[in-house]
N, C-alpha and C. Protein backbone atom coordinates (compact mmCIF):
# COMPACT_ATOMS: atom_id res chain seq x y z
N MET A 1 -18.90 -8.41 -2.94
CA MET A 1 -17.84 -9.11 -3.62
C MET A 1 -17.21 -8.17 -4.64
N LYS A 2 -15.89 -8.12 -4.63
CA LYS A 2 -15.20 -7.25 -5.57
C LYS A 2 -14.93 -7.99 -6.87
N ARG A 3 -15.01 -7.27 -7.93
CA ARG A 3 -14.71 -7.83 -9.23
C ARG A 3 -13.22 -7.68 -9.49
N SER A 4 -12.63 -8.68 -10.06
CA SER A 4 -11.20 -8.58 -10.39
C SER A 4 -10.95 -9.20 -11.75
N ASN A 5 -9.98 -8.65 -12.43
CA ASN A 5 -9.55 -9.17 -13.71
C ASN A 5 -8.19 -9.81 -13.52
N THR A 6 -8.01 -10.98 -14.07
CA THR A 6 -6.74 -11.69 -13.97
C THR A 6 -6.13 -11.79 -15.36
N PHE A 7 -4.86 -11.51 -15.43
CA PHE A 7 -4.17 -11.61 -16.72
C PHE A 7 -2.72 -11.99 -16.48
N THR A 8 -2.07 -12.45 -17.51
CA THR A 8 -0.68 -12.85 -17.44
C THR A 8 0.17 -11.83 -18.17
N VAL A 9 1.26 -11.42 -17.55
CA VAL A 9 2.17 -10.46 -18.17
C VAL A 9 3.43 -11.21 -18.58
N ARG A 10 3.76 -11.10 -19.84
CA ARG A 10 4.98 -11.74 -20.34
C ARG A 10 5.84 -10.68 -21.02
N PRO A 11 6.90 -10.24 -20.35
CA PRO A 11 7.78 -9.24 -20.98
C PRO A 11 8.38 -9.80 -22.27
N LEU A 12 8.50 -8.93 -23.27
CA LEU A 12 9.02 -9.35 -24.57
C LEU A 12 10.53 -9.21 -24.68
N SER A 13 11.14 -8.54 -23.70
CA SER A 13 12.59 -8.35 -23.75
C SER A 13 13.14 -8.32 -22.33
N ASP A 14 14.45 -8.36 -22.23
CA ASP A 14 15.08 -8.25 -20.92
C ASP A 14 14.82 -6.88 -20.30
N ASP A 15 14.81 -5.84 -21.14
CA ASP A 15 14.52 -4.50 -20.64
C ASP A 15 13.09 -4.43 -20.10
N GLY A 16 12.16 -5.03 -20.81
CA GLY A 16 10.77 -5.07 -20.36
C GLY A 16 10.62 -5.81 -19.05
N GLU A 17 11.38 -6.88 -18.90
CA GLU A 17 11.34 -7.64 -17.65
C GLU A 17 11.88 -6.81 -16.49
N GLN A 18 12.94 -6.04 -16.74
CA GLN A 18 13.52 -5.20 -15.70
C GLN A 18 12.55 -4.08 -15.30
N VAL A 19 11.89 -3.49 -16.28
CA VAL A 19 10.90 -2.44 -15.99
C VAL A 19 9.76 -3.01 -15.14
N LEU A 20 9.29 -4.19 -15.50
CA LEU A 20 8.22 -4.83 -14.74
C LEU A 20 8.68 -5.13 -13.32
N GLN A 21 9.90 -5.63 -13.18
CA GLN A 21 10.44 -5.94 -11.85
C GLN A 21 10.55 -4.68 -11.00
N ASP A 22 11.02 -3.58 -11.60
CA ASP A 22 11.13 -2.31 -10.87
C ASP A 22 9.75 -1.81 -10.43
N LEU A 23 8.77 -1.96 -11.31
CA LEU A 23 7.40 -1.54 -10.99
C LEU A 23 6.84 -2.35 -9.82
N LEU A 24 7.03 -3.66 -9.87
CA LEU A 24 6.52 -4.52 -8.80
C LEU A 24 7.25 -4.27 -7.48
N ASP A 25 8.55 -4.02 -7.55
CA ASP A 25 9.32 -3.71 -6.34
C ASP A 25 8.82 -2.41 -5.70
N ALA A 26 8.59 -1.39 -6.53
CA ALA A 26 8.11 -0.11 -6.01
C ALA A 26 6.71 -0.26 -5.41
N PHE A 27 5.85 -1.03 -6.05
CA PHE A 27 4.50 -1.27 -5.54
C PHE A 27 4.56 -1.91 -4.16
N ALA A 28 5.35 -2.97 -4.04
CA ALA A 28 5.47 -3.68 -2.75
C ALA A 28 6.09 -2.79 -1.69
N ALA A 29 7.10 -2.01 -2.07
CA ALA A 29 7.77 -1.13 -1.11
C ALA A 29 6.81 -0.07 -0.58
N LEU A 30 6.02 0.53 -1.47
CA LEU A 30 5.05 1.54 -1.04
C LEU A 30 4.02 0.93 -0.10
N TRP A 31 3.48 -0.23 -0.46
CA TRP A 31 2.50 -0.91 0.40
C TRP A 31 3.10 -1.17 1.77
N ASN A 32 4.32 -1.71 1.81
CA ASN A 32 4.95 -2.05 3.08
C ASN A 32 5.26 -0.82 3.92
N GLU A 33 5.70 0.27 3.30
CA GLU A 33 6.00 1.48 4.07
C GLU A 33 4.74 2.10 4.65
N ILE A 34 3.67 2.13 3.88
CA ILE A 34 2.40 2.65 4.40
C ILE A 34 1.92 1.77 5.55
N ASN A 35 1.99 0.47 5.35
CA ASN A 35 1.55 -0.47 6.38
C ASN A 35 2.39 -0.31 7.65
N TYR A 36 3.69 -0.15 7.50
CA TYR A 36 4.59 0.00 8.65
C TYR A 36 4.23 1.26 9.44
N GLN A 37 4.02 2.38 8.74
CA GLN A 37 3.66 3.63 9.42
C GLN A 37 2.37 3.45 10.23
N ARG A 38 1.40 2.81 9.64
CA ARG A 38 0.12 2.62 10.34
C ARG A 38 0.25 1.62 11.48
N LEU A 39 1.02 0.57 11.27
CA LEU A 39 1.20 -0.44 12.31
C LEU A 39 1.91 0.15 13.53
N MET A 40 2.91 0.98 13.32
CA MET A 40 3.62 1.61 14.44
C MET A 40 2.68 2.51 15.23
N ARG A 41 1.79 3.21 14.54
CA ARG A 41 0.82 4.04 15.26
C ARG A 41 -0.22 3.18 15.98
N TYR A 42 -0.61 2.10 15.37
CA TYR A 42 -1.58 1.20 15.99
C TYR A 42 -1.01 0.61 17.28
N ASN A 43 0.26 0.24 17.26
CA ASN A 43 0.91 -0.36 18.43
C ASN A 43 1.54 0.67 19.36
N ASP A 44 1.48 1.96 19.02
CA ASP A 44 2.11 3.03 19.80
C ASP A 44 3.58 2.75 20.05
N GLU A 45 4.31 2.35 19.03
CA GLU A 45 5.72 2.00 19.17
C GLU A 45 6.63 3.08 18.58
N ASP A 46 7.87 3.05 19.03
CA ASP A 46 8.95 3.86 18.47
C ASP A 46 8.62 5.35 18.40
N GLY A 47 7.86 5.85 19.35
CA GLY A 47 7.57 7.27 19.39
C GLY A 47 6.56 7.74 18.36
N PHE A 48 5.93 6.81 17.64
CA PHE A 48 4.89 7.20 16.69
C PHE A 48 3.64 7.50 17.48
N GLU A 49 3.20 8.73 17.39
CA GLU A 49 2.01 9.13 18.13
C GLU A 49 0.87 9.40 17.17
N GLY A 50 -0.31 9.34 17.70
CA GLY A 50 -1.48 9.65 16.90
C GLY A 50 -2.22 8.40 16.46
N ASP A 51 -3.25 8.65 15.71
CA ASP A 51 -4.12 7.60 15.22
C ASP A 51 -3.51 6.93 13.99
N VAL A 52 -4.00 5.75 13.67
CA VAL A 52 -3.55 5.03 12.48
C VAL A 52 -3.71 5.89 11.24
N TRP A 53 -4.76 6.70 11.21
CA TRP A 53 -5.05 7.51 10.03
C TRP A 53 -4.20 8.77 9.97
N ASP A 54 -3.38 9.03 11.02
CA ASP A 54 -2.51 10.20 11.02
C ASP A 54 -1.19 9.95 10.29
N ALA A 55 -0.95 8.74 9.83
CA ALA A 55 0.29 8.43 9.12
C ALA A 55 0.39 9.30 7.87
N ASP A 56 1.58 9.81 7.61
CA ASP A 56 1.80 10.69 6.46
C ASP A 56 1.97 9.87 5.19
N THR A 57 0.88 9.28 4.74
CA THR A 57 0.94 8.43 3.55
C THR A 57 1.08 9.23 2.27
N GLY A 58 0.68 10.49 2.31
CA GLY A 58 0.83 11.34 1.13
C GLY A 58 2.28 11.56 0.76
N ALA A 59 3.14 11.72 1.76
CA ALA A 59 4.57 11.90 1.49
C ALA A 59 5.16 10.61 0.91
N LEU A 60 4.73 9.47 1.44
CA LEU A 60 5.20 8.20 0.90
C LEU A 60 4.73 8.02 -0.54
N GLU A 61 3.50 8.38 -0.78
CA GLU A 61 2.95 8.28 -2.14
C GLU A 61 3.77 9.14 -3.10
N GLY A 62 4.13 10.34 -2.67
CA GLY A 62 4.92 11.23 -3.51
C GLY A 62 6.28 10.66 -3.85
N THR A 63 6.85 9.89 -2.94
CA THR A 63 8.16 9.29 -3.17
C THR A 63 8.12 8.30 -4.33
N TYR A 64 7.02 7.61 -4.49
CA TYR A 64 6.93 6.55 -5.49
C TYR A 64 6.19 6.96 -6.76
N LYS A 65 5.72 8.19 -6.84
CA LYS A 65 5.00 8.64 -8.03
C LYS A 65 5.83 8.54 -9.30
N GLY A 66 7.13 8.80 -9.18
CA GLY A 66 7.99 8.76 -10.35
C GLY A 66 8.09 7.38 -10.98
N VAL A 67 8.04 6.36 -10.16
CA VAL A 67 8.16 4.98 -10.66
C VAL A 67 6.79 4.41 -11.01
N LEU A 68 5.82 4.60 -10.10
CA LEU A 68 4.51 3.98 -10.27
C LEU A 68 3.53 4.81 -11.09
N GLY A 69 3.72 6.11 -11.08
CA GLY A 69 2.72 6.99 -11.65
C GLY A 69 1.78 7.44 -10.54
N ALA A 70 1.24 8.63 -10.69
CA ALA A 70 0.42 9.22 -9.63
C ALA A 70 -0.83 8.40 -9.32
N SER A 71 -1.52 7.94 -10.35
CA SER A 71 -2.77 7.23 -10.10
C SER A 71 -2.53 5.86 -9.46
N THR A 72 -1.47 5.18 -9.84
CA THR A 72 -1.18 3.88 -9.25
C THR A 72 -0.76 4.04 -7.79
N ALA A 73 0.07 5.04 -7.50
CA ALA A 73 0.49 5.29 -6.12
C ALA A 73 -0.72 5.62 -5.25
N GLN A 74 -1.64 6.41 -5.79
CA GLN A 74 -2.84 6.76 -5.04
C GLN A 74 -3.72 5.52 -4.82
N THR A 75 -3.78 4.64 -5.81
CA THR A 75 -4.56 3.41 -5.68
C THR A 75 -3.98 2.51 -4.60
N VAL A 76 -2.66 2.42 -4.53
CA VAL A 76 -2.01 1.61 -3.49
C VAL A 76 -2.39 2.14 -2.12
N ARG A 77 -2.33 3.46 -1.96
CA ARG A 77 -2.68 4.07 -0.68
C ARG A 77 -4.15 3.82 -0.34
N ARG A 78 -5.02 3.97 -1.32
CA ARG A 78 -6.46 3.76 -1.08
C ARG A 78 -6.75 2.30 -0.72
N GLU A 79 -6.13 1.35 -1.41
CA GLU A 79 -6.35 -0.07 -1.10
C GLU A 79 -5.80 -0.43 0.27
N ASN A 80 -4.68 0.18 0.67
CA ASN A 80 -4.14 -0.07 1.99
C ASN A 80 -5.10 0.46 3.05
N SER A 81 -5.67 1.62 2.80
CA SER A 81 -6.66 2.18 3.73
C SER A 81 -7.86 1.25 3.86
N GLU A 82 -8.29 0.70 2.75
CA GLU A 82 -9.42 -0.23 2.79
C GLU A 82 -9.07 -1.49 3.59
N ALA A 83 -7.85 -1.97 3.46
CA ALA A 83 -7.42 -3.15 4.23
C ALA A 83 -7.45 -2.85 5.72
N TRP A 84 -7.02 -1.65 6.12
CA TRP A 84 -7.06 -1.29 7.54
C TRP A 84 -8.49 -1.11 8.03
N ARG A 85 -9.36 -0.50 7.20
CA ARG A 85 -10.76 -0.36 7.60
C ARG A 85 -11.39 -1.75 7.80
N SER A 86 -11.07 -2.67 6.91
CA SER A 86 -11.57 -4.03 7.04
C SER A 86 -11.08 -4.68 8.32
N PHE A 87 -9.81 -4.46 8.65
CA PHE A 87 -9.25 -5.00 9.89
C PHE A 87 -10.03 -4.50 11.10
N PHE A 88 -10.30 -3.19 11.14
CA PHE A 88 -11.02 -2.63 12.28
C PHE A 88 -12.47 -3.12 12.33
N ARG A 89 -13.11 -3.30 11.18
CA ARG A 89 -14.48 -3.84 11.17
C ARG A 89 -14.50 -5.26 11.74
N LEU A 90 -13.57 -6.09 11.30
CA LEU A 90 -13.51 -7.46 11.80
C LEU A 90 -13.17 -7.50 13.29
N LYS A 91 -12.30 -6.62 13.71
CA LYS A 91 -11.93 -6.54 15.13
C LYS A 91 -13.15 -6.16 15.97
N ASP A 92 -13.92 -5.19 15.49
CA ASP A 92 -15.13 -4.77 16.21
C ASP A 92 -16.16 -5.90 16.26
N GLN A 93 -16.32 -6.63 15.18
CA GLN A 93 -17.26 -7.74 15.15
C GLN A 93 -16.85 -8.83 16.12
N TYR A 94 -15.57 -9.09 16.21
CA TYR A 94 -15.07 -10.14 17.10
C TYR A 94 -15.29 -9.77 18.56
N HIS A 95 -15.12 -8.49 18.88
CA HIS A 95 -15.21 -8.05 20.28
C HIS A 95 -16.62 -7.66 20.69
N ASP A 96 -17.58 -7.71 19.79
CA ASP A 96 -18.96 -7.38 20.15
C ASP A 96 -19.68 -8.52 20.79
């Protein structure tokens, strides 16, 4: 079981709200782009060749470092990898 901390973020100004919105948009965009790259390789679609793990997630991470920060972008990539590993574990359990 993973431990998680829950908290509420309340921006104190309109500028703070915009910064938070930009951060959340970048986070979701990075997650979705990494997921899309891996999904296309998983389904062998659109000329994407190779294994799911061959997706160039490092380049995607670099694109979002300016907005998210290097450690947050790396965390998004790592958590996405964990989600895919979990998918494959469950798939193997189902087919055994």
